[in-house]
Protein backbone atom coordinates (compact mmCIF):
# COMPACT_ATOMS: atom_id res chain seq x y z
CA UNK A 1 -18.17 69.48 -36.64
CA UNK A 2 -16.03 69.74 -39.77
CA UNK A 3 -18.13 71.37 -42.43
CA UNK A 4 -15.40 71.26 -45.05
CA UNK A 5 -16.40 69.80 -48.43
CA UNK A 6 -13.20 67.80 -48.77
CA UNK A 7 -13.00 64.43 -47.09
CA UNK A 8 -11.51 65.25 -43.68
CA UNK A 9 -9.62 62.92 -41.41
CA UNK A 10 -11.98 62.74 -38.50
CA UNK A 11 -12.59 60.65 -35.49
CA UNK A 12 -14.43 60.74 -32.22
CA UNK A 13 -13.36 59.23 -28.93
CA UNK A 14 -14.65 59.11 -25.42
CA UNK A 15 -11.70 58.74 -23.10
CA UNK A 16 -11.18 58.38 -19.40
CA UNK A 17 -9.20 60.96 -17.49
CA UNK A 18 -6.04 58.89 -17.35
CA UNK A 19 -2.78 60.35 -18.55
CA UNK A 20 -2.05 57.51 -20.99
CA UNK A 21 -5.36 58.12 -22.80
CA UNK A 22 -4.53 61.80 -23.10
CA UNK A 23 -1.21 61.03 -24.75
CA UNK A 24 -2.80 58.52 -27.12
CA UNK A 25 -5.51 60.84 -28.40
CA UNK A 26 -3.08 63.76 -28.73
CA UNK A 27 -0.71 61.62 -30.79
CA UNK A 28 -3.55 60.59 -33.12
CA UNK A 29 -4.36 64.23 -33.84
CA UNK A 30 -0.69 65.21 -34.26
CA UNK A 31 -0.14 62.29 -36.65
CA UNK A 32 -3.07 63.43 -38.81
CA UNK A 33 -1.65 66.96 -38.80
CA UNK A 34 1.78 65.67 -39.85
CA UNK A 35 0.18 63.73 -42.70
CA UNK A 36 -1.57 66.96 -43.80
CA UNK A 37 1.83 68.77 -43.75
CA UNK A 38 1.15 71.21 -40.90
CA UNK A 39 4.12 73.32 -39.79
CA UNK A 40 6.13 72.59 -36.65
CA UNK A 41 4.65 75.76 -35.14
CA UNK A 42 1.11 74.46 -35.82
CA UNK A 43 1.99 71.09 -34.28
CA UNK A 44 3.46 72.72 -31.17
CA UNK A 45 0.52 75.12 -30.80
CA UNK A 46 -2.11 72.40 -31.04
CA UNK A 47 -0.18 70.11 -28.70
CA UNK A 48 0.05 72.81 -25.99
CA UNK A 49 -3.58 73.92 -26.32
CA UNK A 50 -4.86 70.33 -26.38
CA UNK A 51 -2.81 69.45 -23.30
CA UNK A 52 -4.19 72.46 -21.43
CA UNK A 53 -7.80 71.69 -22.40
CA UNK A 54 -7.48 68.08 -21.24
CA UNK A 55 -5.76 69.10 -18.01
CA UNK A 56 -8.48 71.68 -17.33
CA UNK A 57 -11.19 69.07 -17.92
CA UNK A 58 -9.58 66.59 -15.53
CA UNK A 59 -8.31 68.94 -12.81
CA UNK A 60 -11.02 71.60 -12.78
CA UNK A 61 -14.02 70.00 -14.50
CA UNK A 62 -13.74 66.65 -12.76
CA UNK A 63 -11.74 67.79 -9.73
CA UNK A 64 -9.15 65.09 -10.46
CA UNK A 65 -11.69 62.24 -10.67
CA UNK A 66 -10.07 59.88 -13.18
CA UNK A 67 -13.24 57.78 -13.46
CA UNK A 68 -15.28 60.62 -14.99
CA UNK A 69 -15.36 60.56 -18.78
CA UNK A 70 -14.01 63.33 -20.96
CA UNK A 71 -15.35 63.37 -24.49
CA UNK A 72 -12.94 64.48 -27.20
CA UNK A 73 -13.95 65.12 -30.79
CA UNK A 74 -11.57 66.21 -33.50
CA UNK A 75 -11.38 66.89 -37.18
CA UNK A 76 -8.21 67.51 -39.18
CA UNK A 77 -8.43 68.87 -42.72
CA UNK A 78 -5.81 70.41 -44.98
CA UNK A 79 -6.91 73.88 -43.79
CA UNK A 80 -7.65 73.54 -40.08
CA UNK A 81 -7.79 71.42 -36.96
CA UNK A 82 -10.87 71.50 -34.77
CA UNK A 83 -10.85 69.92 -31.32
CA UNK A 84 -13.66 69.78 -28.80
CA UNK A 85 -13.13 68.75 -25.17
CA UNK A 86 -16.25 68.12 -23.10
CA UNK A 87 -16.17 67.25 -19.42
CA UNK A 88 -19.00 66.26 -17.10
CA UNK A 89 -18.20 68.91 -14.51
CA UNK A 90 -20.35 71.76 -13.30
CA UNK A 91 -18.55 74.19 -15.62
CA UNK A 92 -17.35 77.70 -14.92
CA UNK A 93 -17.59 81.29 -16.06
CA UNK A 94 -14.42 82.11 -18.06
CA UNK A 95 -14.92 85.80 -17.28
CA UNK A 96 -14.47 84.99 -13.58
CA UNK A 97 -10.92 83.71 -14.14
CA UNK A 98 -8.40 86.37 -13.05
CA UNK A 99 -6.06 87.73 -15.73
CA UNK A 100 -2.94 85.55 -15.35
CA UNK A 101 -0.74 88.32 -16.72
CA UNK A 102 -1.77 90.85 -14.06
CA UNK A 103 1.00 91.50 -11.55
CA UNK A 104 -1.10 90.35 -8.59
CA UNK A 105 -1.80 87.00 -10.31
CA UNK A 106 1.67 86.08 -11.54
CA UNK A 107 2.36 83.78 -8.58
CA UNK A 108 -1.03 82.02 -8.57
CA UNK A 109 -0.61 78.27 -9.16
CA UNK A 110 -3.38 78.07 -11.78
CA UNK A 111 -5.42 80.19 -14.15
CA UNK A 112 -3.15 80.15 -17.21
CA UNK A 113 -4.70 77.26 -19.16
CA UNK A 114 -7.44 79.16 -20.96
CA UNK A 115 -5.07 82.06 -21.70
CA UNK A 116 -2.61 79.60 -23.25
CA UNK A 117 -5.33 77.93 -25.30
CA UNK A 118 -6.43 81.31 -26.63
CA UNK A 119 -2.83 82.29 -27.40
CA UNK A 120 -2.07 79.12 -29.39
CA UNK A 121 -5.34 78.57 -31.27
CA UNK A 122 -6.98 80.67 -34.00
CA UNK A 123 -10.47 80.44 -32.50
CA UNK A 124 -11.67 79.36 -29.05
CA UNK A 125 -15.22 79.17 -27.74
CA UNK A 126 -16.88 77.76 -24.66
CA UNK A 127 -20.46 76.71 -24.20
CA UNK A 128 -22.65 78.69 -21.82
CA UNK A 129 -22.12 76.18 -19.00
CA UNK A 130 -18.33 76.28 -19.37
CA UNK A 131 -17.66 72.54 -19.66
CA UNK A 132 -17.24 72.31 -23.46
CA UNK A 133 -14.37 74.05 -25.24
CA UNK A 134 -14.06 74.18 -29.01
CA UNK A 135 -10.61 75.08 -30.38
CA UNK A 136 -9.70 75.70 -34.01
CA UNK A 137 -6.21 76.17 -35.44
CA UNK A 138 -5.97 77.40 -39.03
CA UNK A 139 -3.02 75.96 -40.92
CA UNK A 140 -0.08 78.31 -41.43
CA UNK A 141 0.96 78.88 -45.01
């Protein structure tokens, strides 16, 4: 995951889809970022993208099933934060998601999560199946 030569702060957790677990793992990552002196904008960006990725995994990947496990891996270095969120769902084709900024889609109740993740992170990739998102945020100078 983190291929940086310096000793990164890293951890790996498998969490259940319960809200309290989401908050706990997000706070661990944010704390590591604060210790590495990330900007408030970086902290906000990662928090929003992480929240969206976890919500997508629970609501869309697991269809709200709070018993299904969501695997979260992260690595925080002085240069970047990498987060991976992996659900056990059937996945999806990100190209099939309608553009949430198109006029005809503005009132749809969902479909903005991936767009928000892409807006707040430096790099975003999904596996071919669509159930594993990797997000990287490069530290602002």
